[in-house]
N, C-alpha and C. Protein backbone atom coordinates (compact mmCIF):
# COMPACT_ATOMS: atom_id res chain seq x y z
N UNK A 1 -4.39 -46.94 13.04
CA UNK A 1 -4.34 -45.59 13.59
C UNK A 1 -5.08 -45.55 14.91
N UNK A 2 -4.50 -44.88 15.91
CA UNK A 2 -5.17 -44.73 17.19
C UNK A 2 -5.41 -43.25 17.43
N UNK A 3 -6.57 -42.91 17.93
CA UNK A 3 -6.88 -41.54 18.31
C UNK A 3 -6.94 -41.50 19.83
N UNK A 4 -6.19 -40.59 20.42
CA UNK A 4 -6.21 -40.47 21.87
C UNK A 4 -7.47 -39.74 22.29
N UNK A 5 -8.19 -40.32 23.21
CA UNK A 5 -9.38 -39.65 23.73
C UNK A 5 -8.95 -38.43 24.52
N UNK A 6 -9.72 -37.33 24.48
CA UNK A 6 -9.36 -36.13 25.23
C UNK A 6 -9.16 -36.41 26.71
N UNK A 7 -9.95 -37.32 27.29
CA UNK A 7 -9.80 -37.60 28.73
C UNK A 7 -8.44 -38.22 28.98
N UNK A 8 -8.00 -39.15 28.10
CA UNK A 8 -6.71 -39.78 28.28
C UNK A 8 -5.60 -38.75 28.21
N UNK A 9 -5.67 -37.83 27.26
CA UNK A 9 -4.65 -36.82 27.13
C UNK A 9 -4.64 -35.91 28.35
N UNK A 10 -5.80 -35.57 28.85
CA UNK A 10 -5.87 -34.71 30.03
C UNK A 10 -5.18 -35.39 31.22
N UNK A 11 -5.39 -36.71 31.36
CA UNK A 11 -4.73 -37.43 32.45
C UNK A 11 -3.23 -37.44 32.27
N UNK A 12 -2.77 -37.66 31.04
CA UNK A 12 -1.33 -37.65 30.79
C UNK A 12 -0.73 -36.28 31.08
N UNK A 13 -1.40 -35.24 30.68
CA UNK A 13 -0.90 -33.89 30.96
C UNK A 13 -0.83 -33.63 32.45
N UNK A 14 -1.81 -34.13 33.18
CA UNK A 14 -1.81 -33.93 34.63
C UNK A 14 -0.65 -34.66 35.28
N UNK A 15 -0.32 -35.86 34.77
CA UNK A 15 0.80 -36.61 35.32
C UNK A 15 2.11 -35.95 34.95
N UNK A 16 2.19 -35.47 33.69
CA UNK A 16 3.45 -34.91 33.21
C UNK A 16 3.82 -33.60 33.91
N UNK A 17 2.85 -32.77 34.19
CA UNK A 17 3.14 -31.45 34.77
C UNK A 17 1.83 -30.84 35.21
N UNK A 18 1.77 -30.31 36.40
CA UNK A 18 0.55 -29.62 36.80
C UNK A 18 0.33 -28.42 35.89
N UNK A 19 -0.82 -28.37 35.25
CA UNK A 19 -1.14 -27.28 34.33
C UNK A 19 -2.37 -26.55 34.84
N UNK A 20 -2.44 -25.28 34.51
CA UNK A 20 -3.63 -24.54 34.92
C UNK A 20 -4.82 -25.04 34.11
N UNK A 21 -5.92 -25.20 34.75
CA UNK A 21 -7.13 -25.66 34.06
C UNK A 21 -7.67 -24.52 33.20
N UNK A 22 -8.09 -24.87 31.99
CA UNK A 22 -8.66 -23.85 31.12
C UNK A 22 -10.03 -23.46 31.66
N UNK A 23 -10.29 -22.17 31.82
CA UNK A 23 -11.60 -21.74 32.31
C UNK A 23 -12.68 -22.07 31.28
N UNK A 24 -13.92 -22.12 31.74
CA UNK A 24 -15.03 -22.49 30.87
C UNK A 24 -15.11 -21.58 29.65
N UNK A 25 -14.88 -20.30 29.85
CA UNK A 25 -14.91 -19.35 28.74
C UNK A 25 -13.53 -18.73 28.61
N UNK A 26 -12.56 -19.55 28.16
CA UNK A 26 -11.18 -19.09 28.06
C UNK A 26 -11.05 -18.02 27.00
N UNK A 27 -10.23 -16.99 27.27
CA UNK A 27 -9.97 -15.99 26.25
C UNK A 27 -9.39 -16.65 25.01
N UNK A 28 -9.58 -16.03 23.86
CA UNK A 28 -9.17 -16.63 22.60
C UNK A 28 -7.68 -16.93 22.54
N UNK A 29 -6.86 -16.18 23.28
CA UNK A 29 -5.41 -16.37 23.19
C UNK A 29 -4.91 -17.55 24.02
N UNK A 30 -5.74 -18.10 24.91
CA UNK A 30 -5.30 -19.22 25.74
C UNK A 30 -5.44 -20.54 24.99
N UNK A 31 -4.49 -21.43 25.25
CA UNK A 31 -4.55 -22.75 24.64
C UNK A 31 -5.61 -23.61 25.31
N UNK A 32 -6.20 -24.56 24.59
CA UNK A 32 -7.13 -25.50 25.23
C UNK A 32 -6.41 -26.30 26.31
N UNK A 33 -7.14 -26.76 27.30
CA UNK A 33 -6.54 -27.51 28.40
C UNK A 33 -5.88 -28.80 27.97
N UNK A 34 -6.33 -29.41 26.87
CA UNK A 34 -5.75 -30.67 26.42
C UNK A 34 -4.70 -30.49 25.32
N UNK A 35 -4.17 -29.28 25.17
CA UNK A 35 -3.17 -29.02 24.16
C UNK A 35 -1.78 -29.48 24.61
N UNK A 36 -1.10 -30.20 23.73
CA UNK A 36 0.29 -30.59 23.99
C UNK A 36 1.16 -29.34 24.16
N UNK A 37 0.77 -28.27 23.50
CA UNK A 37 1.56 -27.03 23.55
C UNK A 37 1.55 -26.39 24.94
N UNK A 38 0.73 -26.89 25.86
CA UNK A 38 0.75 -26.38 27.24
C UNK A 38 1.99 -26.80 28.01
N UNK A 39 2.69 -27.83 27.53
CA UNK A 39 3.87 -28.28 28.26
C UNK A 39 4.92 -27.17 28.31
N UNK A 40 5.44 -26.89 29.49
CA UNK A 40 6.48 -25.86 29.61
C UNK A 40 7.83 -26.40 29.17
N UNK A 41 8.79 -25.54 29.08
CA UNK A 41 10.16 -25.94 28.75
C UNK A 41 10.67 -25.21 27.53
N UNK A 42 12.00 -25.18 27.42
CA UNK A 42 12.65 -24.54 26.28
C UNK A 42 13.25 -25.61 25.39
N UNK A 43 13.13 -25.40 24.10
CA UNK A 43 13.65 -26.30 23.08
C UNK A 43 14.63 -25.55 22.20
N UNK A 44 15.54 -26.29 21.58
CA UNK A 44 16.49 -25.70 20.64
C UNK A 44 16.45 -26.51 19.36
N UNK A 45 16.34 -25.82 18.23
CA UNK A 45 16.23 -26.54 16.96
C UNK A 45 17.60 -26.76 16.32
N UNK A 46 17.59 -27.34 15.12
CA UNK A 46 18.82 -27.71 14.43
C UNK A 46 19.64 -26.50 14.00
N UNK A 47 19.06 -25.32 14.04
CA UNK A 47 19.81 -24.10 13.71
C UNK A 47 20.25 -23.36 14.96
N UNK A 48 20.00 -23.95 16.14
CA UNK A 48 20.39 -23.29 17.39
C UNK A 48 19.39 -22.27 17.90
N UNK A 49 18.20 -22.21 17.29
CA UNK A 49 17.17 -21.25 17.73
C UNK A 49 16.37 -21.86 18.88
N UNK A 50 16.13 -21.05 19.91
CA UNK A 50 15.33 -21.50 21.04
C UNK A 50 13.85 -21.20 20.79
N UNK A 51 12.99 -22.10 21.28
CA UNK A 51 11.55 -21.88 21.11
C UNK A 51 10.81 -22.63 22.21
N UNK A 52 9.55 -22.29 22.37
CA UNK A 52 8.66 -23.02 23.28
C UNK A 52 7.62 -23.74 22.44
N UNK A 53 7.01 -24.76 23.00
CA UNK A 53 5.97 -25.47 22.26
C UNK A 53 4.79 -24.55 21.96
N UNK A 54 4.45 -23.68 22.90
CA UNK A 54 3.32 -22.78 22.68
C UNK A 54 3.55 -21.90 21.46
N UNK A 55 4.79 -21.62 21.14
CA UNK A 55 5.10 -20.80 19.98
C UNK A 55 4.85 -21.51 18.65
N UNK A 56 4.58 -22.81 18.69
CA UNK A 56 4.29 -23.56 17.47
C UNK A 56 2.80 -23.60 17.15
N UNK A 57 2.02 -22.94 17.96
CA UNK A 57 0.57 -22.88 17.74
C UNK A 57 0.25 -22.29 16.37
N UNK A 58 -0.80 -22.82 15.76
CA UNK A 58 -1.29 -22.17 14.55
C UNK A 58 -1.51 -23.08 13.36
N UNK A 59 -0.66 -24.11 13.19
CA UNK A 59 -0.80 -24.97 12.02
C UNK A 59 -0.76 -26.44 12.43
N UNK A 60 -1.45 -27.31 11.69
CA UNK A 60 -1.38 -28.74 11.99
C UNK A 60 0.07 -29.23 11.90
N UNK A 61 0.39 -30.19 12.74
CA UNK A 61 1.76 -30.68 12.79
C UNK A 61 1.81 -32.17 13.06
N UNK A 62 2.87 -32.79 12.55
CA UNK A 62 3.24 -34.14 12.95
C UNK A 62 4.29 -34.01 14.04
N UNK A 63 4.16 -34.80 15.09
CA UNK A 63 5.10 -34.74 16.21
C UNK A 63 5.55 -36.16 16.53
N UNK A 64 6.84 -36.32 16.79
CA UNK A 64 7.38 -37.62 17.18
C UNK A 64 8.65 -37.43 17.98
N UNK A 65 9.19 -38.55 18.48
CA UNK A 65 10.43 -38.52 19.25
C UNK A 65 11.41 -39.53 18.66
N UNK A 66 12.68 -39.18 18.67
CA UNK A 66 13.71 -39.97 18.01
C UNK A 66 15.05 -39.67 18.67
N UNK A 67 16.12 -40.29 18.18
CA UNK A 67 17.47 -39.83 18.54
C UNK A 67 18.40 -40.11 17.38
N UNK A 68 19.39 -39.25 17.22
CA UNK A 68 20.19 -39.23 15.99
C UNK A 68 21.03 -40.48 15.80
N UNK A 69 21.52 -41.11 16.88
CA UNK A 69 22.40 -42.28 16.74
C UNK A 69 21.64 -43.56 16.40
N UNK A 70 20.34 -43.52 16.48
CA UNK A 70 19.51 -44.68 16.18
C UNK A 70 19.73 -45.10 14.72
N UNK A 71 19.96 -46.38 14.51
CA UNK A 71 20.31 -46.88 13.18
C UNK A 71 19.16 -47.52 12.42
N UNK A 72 18.06 -47.82 13.10
CA UNK A 72 17.00 -48.58 12.43
C UNK A 72 15.64 -47.90 12.53
N UNK A 73 15.10 -47.85 13.74
CA UNK A 73 13.72 -47.38 13.89
C UNK A 73 13.59 -45.88 13.61
N UNK A 74 14.52 -45.08 14.10
CA UNK A 74 14.40 -43.62 13.90
C UNK A 74 14.52 -43.21 12.44
N UNK A 75 15.46 -43.79 11.67
CA UNK A 75 15.44 -43.49 10.23
C UNK A 75 14.11 -43.88 9.57
N UNK A 76 13.51 -44.98 10.04
CA UNK A 76 12.21 -45.37 9.51
C UNK A 76 11.13 -44.36 9.89
N UNK A 77 11.23 -43.82 11.10
CA UNK A 77 10.27 -42.79 11.54
C UNK A 77 10.37 -41.56 10.64
N UNK A 78 11.61 -41.14 10.38
CA UNK A 78 11.80 -39.97 9.51
C UNK A 78 11.29 -40.27 8.10
N UNK A 79 11.59 -41.45 7.59
CA UNK A 79 11.11 -41.82 6.25
C UNK A 79 9.58 -41.87 6.21
N UNK A 80 8.96 -42.32 7.30
CA UNK A 80 7.49 -42.31 7.34
C UNK A 80 6.97 -40.88 7.23
N UNK A 81 7.60 -39.95 7.95
CA UNK A 81 7.21 -38.55 7.83
C UNK A 81 7.37 -38.03 6.42
N UNK A 82 8.47 -38.41 5.77
CA UNK A 82 8.69 -37.97 4.39
C UNK A 82 7.66 -38.59 3.44
N UNK A 83 7.27 -39.83 3.72
CA UNK A 83 6.27 -40.48 2.86
C UNK A 83 4.91 -39.81 3.03
N UNK A 84 4.62 -39.33 4.24
CA UNK A 84 3.38 -38.58 4.45
C UNK A 84 3.44 -37.28 3.66
N UNK A 85 4.59 -36.60 3.70
CA UNK A 85 4.78 -35.40 2.88
C UNK A 85 4.46 -35.69 1.41
N UNK A 86 5.00 -36.80 0.90
CA UNK A 86 4.83 -37.12 -0.52
C UNK A 86 3.38 -37.42 -0.87
N UNK A 87 2.59 -37.85 0.11
CA UNK A 87 1.18 -38.18 -0.14
C UNK A 87 0.29 -36.93 -0.20
N UNK A 88 0.86 -35.77 0.10
CA UNK A 88 0.08 -34.53 0.14
C UNK A 88 0.26 -33.73 -1.15
N UNK A 89 -0.71 -32.89 -1.42
CA UNK A 89 -0.55 -31.95 -2.53
C UNK A 89 0.47 -30.89 -2.12
N UNK A 90 1.07 -30.18 -3.08
CA UNK A 90 2.02 -29.13 -2.72
C UNK A 90 1.43 -28.09 -1.76
N UNK A 91 0.17 -27.74 -1.96
CA UNK A 91 -0.47 -26.77 -1.07
C UNK A 91 -0.63 -27.31 0.35
N UNK A 92 -1.02 -28.57 0.46
CA UNK A 92 -1.15 -29.19 1.77
C UNK A 92 0.21 -29.30 2.45
N UNK A 93 1.18 -29.75 1.69
CA UNK A 93 2.53 -29.94 2.23
C UNK A 93 3.06 -28.63 2.81
N UNK A 94 2.80 -27.54 2.14
CA UNK A 94 3.30 -26.23 2.60
C UNK A 94 2.71 -25.83 3.94
N UNK A 95 1.54 -26.40 4.30
CA UNK A 95 0.87 -26.01 5.54
C UNK A 95 1.11 -26.99 6.69
N UNK A 96 1.80 -28.10 6.42
CA UNK A 96 2.04 -29.09 7.46
C UNK A 96 3.44 -28.92 8.05
N UNK A 97 3.53 -28.83 9.37
CA UNK A 97 4.82 -28.75 10.05
C UNK A 97 5.14 -30.10 10.68
N UNK A 98 6.43 -30.35 10.90
CA UNK A 98 6.88 -31.60 11.51
C UNK A 98 7.84 -31.24 12.64
N UNK A 99 7.63 -31.81 13.81
CA UNK A 99 8.50 -31.60 14.97
C UNK A 99 8.96 -32.95 15.49
N UNK A 100 10.27 -33.20 15.46
CA UNK A 100 10.85 -34.40 16.03
C UNK A 100 11.76 -33.98 17.17
N UNK A 101 11.49 -34.49 18.36
CA UNK A 101 12.24 -34.11 19.56
C UNK A 101 13.13 -35.27 19.98
N UNK A 102 14.38 -34.96 20.29
CA UNK A 102 15.36 -35.98 20.64
C UNK A 102 15.12 -36.55 22.03
N UNK A 103 15.26 -37.87 22.12
CA UNK A 103 15.26 -38.56 23.40
C UNK A 103 16.64 -38.51 24.06
N UNK A 104 17.63 -38.01 23.34
CA UNK A 104 19.03 -38.06 23.76
C UNK A 104 19.66 -36.67 23.75
N UNK A 105 19.17 -35.76 24.62
CA UNK A 105 19.68 -34.39 24.57
C UNK A 105 21.16 -34.26 24.92
N UNK A 106 21.71 -35.23 25.64
CA UNK A 106 23.13 -35.16 25.97
C UNK A 106 24.02 -35.31 24.76
N UNK A 107 23.54 -35.97 23.74
CA UNK A 107 24.32 -36.19 22.52
C UNK A 107 23.84 -35.33 21.36
N UNK A 108 22.54 -35.12 21.25
CA UNK A 108 21.97 -34.48 20.07
C UNK A 108 22.02 -32.96 20.17
N UNK A 109 23.18 -32.41 19.90
CA UNK A 109 23.39 -30.97 19.86
C UNK A 109 22.74 -30.41 18.60
N UNK A 110 22.59 -29.10 18.50
CA UNK A 110 22.07 -28.53 17.24
C UNK A 110 22.89 -28.95 16.02
N UNK A 111 24.19 -29.07 16.18
CA UNK A 111 25.03 -29.48 15.06
C UNK A 111 24.70 -30.91 14.63
N UNK A 112 24.50 -31.81 15.60
CA UNK A 112 24.13 -33.19 15.28
C UNK A 112 22.76 -33.23 14.62
N UNK A 113 21.82 -32.44 15.14
CA UNK A 113 20.48 -32.41 14.56
C UNK A 113 20.51 -31.86 13.13
N UNK A 114 21.34 -30.84 12.90
CA UNK A 114 21.45 -30.27 11.55
C UNK A 114 22.02 -31.30 10.58
N UNK A 115 23.01 -32.05 11.03
CA UNK A 115 23.59 -33.09 10.18
C UNK A 115 22.56 -34.18 9.88
N UNK A 116 21.77 -34.55 10.89
CA UNK A 116 20.73 -35.56 10.69
C UNK A 116 19.70 -35.08 9.68
N UNK A 117 19.31 -33.82 9.78
CA UNK A 117 18.35 -33.26 8.82
C UNK A 117 18.90 -33.31 7.40
N UNK A 118 20.17 -32.97 7.25
CA UNK A 118 20.80 -33.01 5.92
C UNK A 118 20.87 -34.44 5.39
N UNK A 119 21.28 -35.36 6.26
CA UNK A 119 21.42 -36.76 5.82
C UNK A 119 20.11 -37.36 5.34
N UNK A 120 19.00 -36.90 5.93
CA UNK A 120 17.70 -37.46 5.56
C UNK A 120 16.95 -36.59 4.56
N UNK A 121 17.54 -35.49 4.15
CA UNK A 121 16.95 -34.66 3.11
C UNK A 121 15.61 -34.06 3.47
N UNK A 122 15.43 -33.67 4.74
CA UNK A 122 14.15 -33.09 5.12
C UNK A 122 14.14 -31.59 4.84
N UNK A 123 12.97 -31.06 4.63
CA UNK A 123 12.78 -29.64 4.34
C UNK A 123 12.79 -28.86 5.65
N UNK A 124 13.91 -28.25 5.99
CA UNK A 124 14.03 -27.57 7.29
C UNK A 124 13.25 -26.26 7.35
N UNK A 125 12.60 -25.88 6.28
CA UNK A 125 11.65 -24.76 6.38
C UNK A 125 10.39 -25.20 7.11
N UNK A 126 10.10 -26.51 7.07
CA UNK A 126 8.88 -27.03 7.71
C UNK A 126 9.18 -28.06 8.79
N UNK A 127 10.33 -28.71 8.72
CA UNK A 127 10.72 -29.74 9.67
C UNK A 127 11.63 -29.14 10.74
N UNK A 128 11.33 -29.45 11.99
CA UNK A 128 12.16 -29.02 13.11
C UNK A 128 12.64 -30.25 13.85
N UNK A 129 13.95 -30.40 13.95
CA UNK A 129 14.56 -31.42 14.80
C UNK A 129 15.05 -30.67 16.02
N UNK A 130 14.66 -31.12 17.21
CA UNK A 130 14.89 -30.30 18.40
C UNK A 130 15.39 -31.13 19.58
N UNK A 131 16.00 -30.43 20.51
CA UNK A 131 16.44 -31.02 21.77
C UNK A 131 15.90 -30.16 22.90
N UNK A 132 15.81 -30.76 24.10
CA UNK A 132 15.41 -30.03 25.29
C UNK A 132 16.09 -30.72 26.47
N UNK A 133 15.76 -30.33 27.68
CA UNK A 133 16.36 -30.95 28.85
C UNK A 133 15.68 -32.29 29.15
N UNK A 134 16.35 -33.10 29.99
CA UNK A 134 15.85 -34.43 30.29
C UNK A 134 14.49 -34.46 30.94
N UNK A 135 14.20 -33.51 31.81
CA UNK A 135 12.89 -33.46 32.47
C UNK A 135 11.79 -33.21 31.44
N UNK A 136 12.02 -32.29 30.53
CA UNK A 136 11.01 -31.98 29.51
C UNK A 136 10.85 -33.14 28.54
N UNK A 137 11.95 -33.84 28.24
CA UNK A 137 11.85 -35.05 27.40
C UNK A 137 10.88 -36.04 28.04
N UNK A 138 11.03 -36.27 29.34
CA UNK A 138 10.15 -37.23 30.03
C UNK A 138 8.70 -36.77 30.01
N UNK A 139 8.47 -35.50 30.22
CA UNK A 139 7.10 -34.98 30.22
C UNK A 139 6.46 -35.11 28.85
N UNK A 140 7.21 -34.75 27.82
CA UNK A 140 6.66 -34.83 26.46
C UNK A 140 6.41 -36.29 26.08
N UNK A 141 7.33 -37.17 26.44
CA UNK A 141 7.14 -38.60 26.13
C UNK A 141 5.89 -39.13 26.81
N UNK A 142 5.64 -38.70 28.04
CA UNK A 142 4.43 -39.15 28.75
C UNK A 142 3.17 -38.68 28.03
N UNK A 143 3.16 -37.44 27.59
CA UNK A 143 1.98 -36.90 26.92
C UNK A 143 1.75 -37.59 25.57
N UNK A 144 2.84 -37.89 24.87
CA UNK A 144 2.73 -38.53 23.55
C UNK A 144 2.63 -40.04 23.63
N UNK A 145 2.70 -40.59 24.84
CA UNK A 145 2.68 -42.05 25.06
C UNK A 145 3.82 -42.72 24.31
N UNK A 146 5.02 -42.14 24.45
CA UNK A 146 6.24 -42.73 23.92
C UNK A 146 7.02 -43.29 25.11
N UNK A 147 7.19 -44.60 25.13
CA UNK A 147 7.92 -45.23 26.23
C UNK A 147 9.36 -45.46 25.79
N UNK A 148 10.29 -45.15 26.68
CA UNK A 148 11.70 -45.30 26.32
C UNK A 148 12.53 -45.56 27.56
N UNK A 149 13.70 -46.17 27.34
CA UNK A 149 14.68 -46.31 28.41
C UNK A 149 16.05 -46.40 27.76
N UNK A 150 17.04 -45.83 28.45
CA UNK A 150 18.40 -45.84 27.93
C UNK A 150 19.10 -47.12 28.36
N UNK A 151 19.82 -47.72 27.43
CA UNK A 151 20.56 -48.94 27.69
C UNK A 151 21.98 -48.62 28.16
N UNK A 152 22.68 -49.63 28.66
CA UNK A 152 24.03 -49.42 29.17
C UNK A 152 24.98 -48.90 28.09
N UNK A 153 24.74 -49.26 26.84
CA UNK A 153 25.63 -48.82 25.76
C UNK A 153 25.28 -47.42 25.23
N UNK A 154 24.31 -46.76 25.88
CA UNK A 154 23.93 -45.42 25.47
C UNK A 154 22.80 -45.35 24.47
N UNK A 155 22.46 -46.49 23.87
CA UNK A 155 21.33 -46.52 22.94
C UNK A 155 20.02 -46.50 23.74
N UNK A 156 18.90 -46.38 23.01
CA UNK A 156 17.59 -46.32 23.65
C UNK A 156 16.67 -47.40 23.08
N UNK A 157 15.93 -48.03 23.95
CA UNK A 157 14.75 -48.79 23.55
C UNK A 157 13.58 -47.82 23.63
N UNK A 158 12.78 -47.75 22.58
CA UNK A 158 11.67 -46.79 22.62
C UNK A 158 10.58 -47.20 21.64
N UNK A 159 9.38 -46.77 21.95
CA UNK A 159 8.29 -46.91 21.00
C UNK A 159 8.39 -45.77 19.99
N UNK A 160 7.90 -46.01 18.81
CA UNK A 160 7.98 -44.99 17.76
C UNK A 160 6.61 -44.74 17.18
N UNK A 161 6.26 -43.48 17.10
CA UNK A 161 4.96 -43.10 16.56
C UNK A 161 5.03 -41.68 16.05
N UNK A 162 4.15 -41.37 15.13
CA UNK A 162 3.92 -39.99 14.71
C UNK A 162 2.50 -39.63 15.10
N UNK A 163 2.36 -38.46 15.70
CA UNK A 163 1.05 -37.98 16.11
C UNK A 163 0.69 -36.74 15.31
N UNK A 164 -0.56 -36.65 14.94
CA UNK A 164 -1.08 -35.49 14.23
C UNK A 164 -1.75 -34.57 15.24
N UNK A 165 -1.29 -33.32 15.28
CA UNK A 165 -1.87 -32.31 16.17
C UNK A 165 -2.56 -31.25 15.33
N UNK A 166 -3.66 -30.72 15.83
CA UNK A 166 -4.29 -29.60 15.13
C UNK A 166 -3.55 -28.31 15.47
N UNK A 167 -4.01 -27.21 14.94
CA UNK A 167 -3.34 -25.93 15.14
C UNK A 167 -3.27 -25.49 16.59
N UNK A 168 -4.15 -26.04 17.43
CA UNK A 168 -4.16 -25.71 18.85
C UNK A 168 -3.36 -26.71 19.69
N UNK A 169 -2.74 -27.67 19.02
CA UNK A 169 -1.91 -28.63 19.73
C UNK A 169 -2.65 -29.82 20.31
N UNK A 170 -3.90 -30.04 19.89
CA UNK A 170 -4.66 -31.19 20.36
C UNK A 170 -4.39 -32.39 19.47
N UNK A 171 -4.24 -33.56 20.08
CA UNK A 171 -3.95 -34.78 19.33
C UNK A 171 -5.20 -35.23 18.57
N UNK A 172 -5.04 -35.37 17.26
CA UNK A 172 -6.13 -35.82 16.39
C UNK A 172 -6.00 -37.29 16.00
N UNK A 173 -4.77 -37.74 15.80
CA UNK A 173 -4.56 -39.11 15.32
C UNK A 173 -3.13 -39.53 15.63
N UNK A 174 -2.91 -40.83 15.56
CA UNK A 174 -1.60 -41.41 15.84
C UNK A 174 -1.38 -42.58 14.90
N UNK A 175 -0.16 -42.72 14.40
CA UNK A 175 0.21 -43.91 13.65
C UNK A 175 1.49 -44.50 14.22
N UNK A 176 1.45 -45.81 14.44
CA UNK A 176 2.63 -46.55 14.87
C UNK A 176 3.20 -47.35 13.69
N UNK A 177 2.62 -47.15 12.52
CA UNK A 177 3.06 -47.88 11.32
C UNK A 177 4.20 -47.10 10.67
N UNK A 178 5.39 -47.66 10.72
CA UNK A 178 6.56 -47.03 10.11
C UNK A 178 6.80 -47.70 8.76
N UNK A 179 6.62 -46.91 7.70
CA UNK A 179 6.69 -47.50 6.36
C UNK A 179 6.82 -46.40 5.32
N UNK A 180 7.40 -46.76 4.18
CA UNK A 180 7.43 -45.80 3.07
C UNK A 180 6.06 -45.71 2.41
N UNK A 181 5.14 -46.59 2.81
CA UNK A 181 3.74 -46.51 2.39
C UNK A 181 2.91 -46.18 3.62
N UNK A 182 2.56 -44.91 3.80
CA UNK A 182 1.91 -44.52 5.06
C UNK A 182 0.52 -45.11 5.25
N UNK A 183 0.11 -45.17 6.49
CA UNK A 183 -1.20 -45.66 6.91
C UNK A 183 -2.29 -44.81 6.25
N UNK A 184 -3.14 -45.42 5.40
CA UNK A 184 -4.17 -44.62 4.70
C UNK A 184 -5.10 -43.87 5.63
N UNK A 185 -5.46 -44.46 6.76
CA UNK A 185 -6.38 -43.77 7.66
C UNK A 185 -5.70 -42.56 8.32
N UNK A 186 -4.39 -42.68 8.55
CA UNK A 186 -3.66 -41.53 9.11
C UNK A 186 -3.55 -40.42 8.06
N UNK A 187 -3.26 -40.79 6.83
CA UNK A 187 -3.20 -39.80 5.75
C UNK A 187 -4.55 -39.09 5.61
N UNK A 188 -5.64 -39.85 5.72
CA UNK A 188 -6.97 -39.24 5.62
C UNK A 188 -7.17 -38.22 6.74
N UNK A 189 -6.67 -38.54 7.94
CA UNK A 189 -6.78 -37.59 9.06
C UNK A 189 -5.96 -36.33 8.79
N UNK A 190 -4.79 -36.51 8.17
CA UNK A 190 -3.96 -35.33 7.84
C UNK A 190 -4.69 -34.46 6.82
N UNK A 191 -5.26 -35.08 5.76
CA UNK A 191 -6.03 -34.31 4.77
C UNK A 191 -7.15 -33.52 5.46
N UNK A 192 -7.87 -34.18 6.35
CA UNK A 192 -9.00 -33.54 7.03
C UNK A 192 -8.52 -32.37 7.87
N UNK A 193 -7.44 -32.56 8.62
CA UNK A 193 -6.92 -31.49 9.48
C UNK A 193 -6.47 -30.29 8.66
N UNK A 194 -5.82 -30.55 7.55
CA UNK A 194 -5.34 -29.44 6.72
C UNK A 194 -6.51 -28.72 6.03
N UNK A 195 -7.53 -29.48 5.65
CA UNK A 195 -8.70 -28.85 5.02
C UNK A 195 -9.45 -27.98 6.01
N UNK A 196 -9.43 -28.35 7.28
CA UNK A 196 -10.15 -27.61 8.31
C UNK A 196 -9.39 -26.38 8.77
N UNK A 197 -8.10 -26.33 8.47
CA UNK A 197 -7.26 -25.24 8.98
C UNK A 197 -7.44 -23.98 8.15
């Protein structure tokens, strides 16, 4: 498990998009300066609903990037998220949200995302599979430290990780271990985040 230092995240956010600096005594309604939820842009989920990242504020979440046509790594990423779900108590599970954003917005329409959610049996009351524009994909990938490039055949080479964010959108932990047996230290971080919420 890797934890991103706040300074590293702040640098990534600065590279991804100029953001307003949080004042020393920010009003309670403003997001922290190192929040992933500060990234601008519009997203669309598997049901065709539009949302912003800032609108997801409030509960701990797992966040990752994937694409629906991926045959190997992305299904493993989704299965890792499901295995994390299974490691939680019902009460904890009810409070954890999951956001997976497509690297392939040209292909991954809401209909494709809905089909992917059904095929993998995820709980769409808590899981959001989403698409956005190419510029926002690049910005989010930079902040999450997900490296990717599209190949000539339309597939993507990409790193795969799940990141744990607190209710304010700050990165608490990261796992690059894709497995039906989740990383124990990452699970411990999820338990801690949910207990603190």
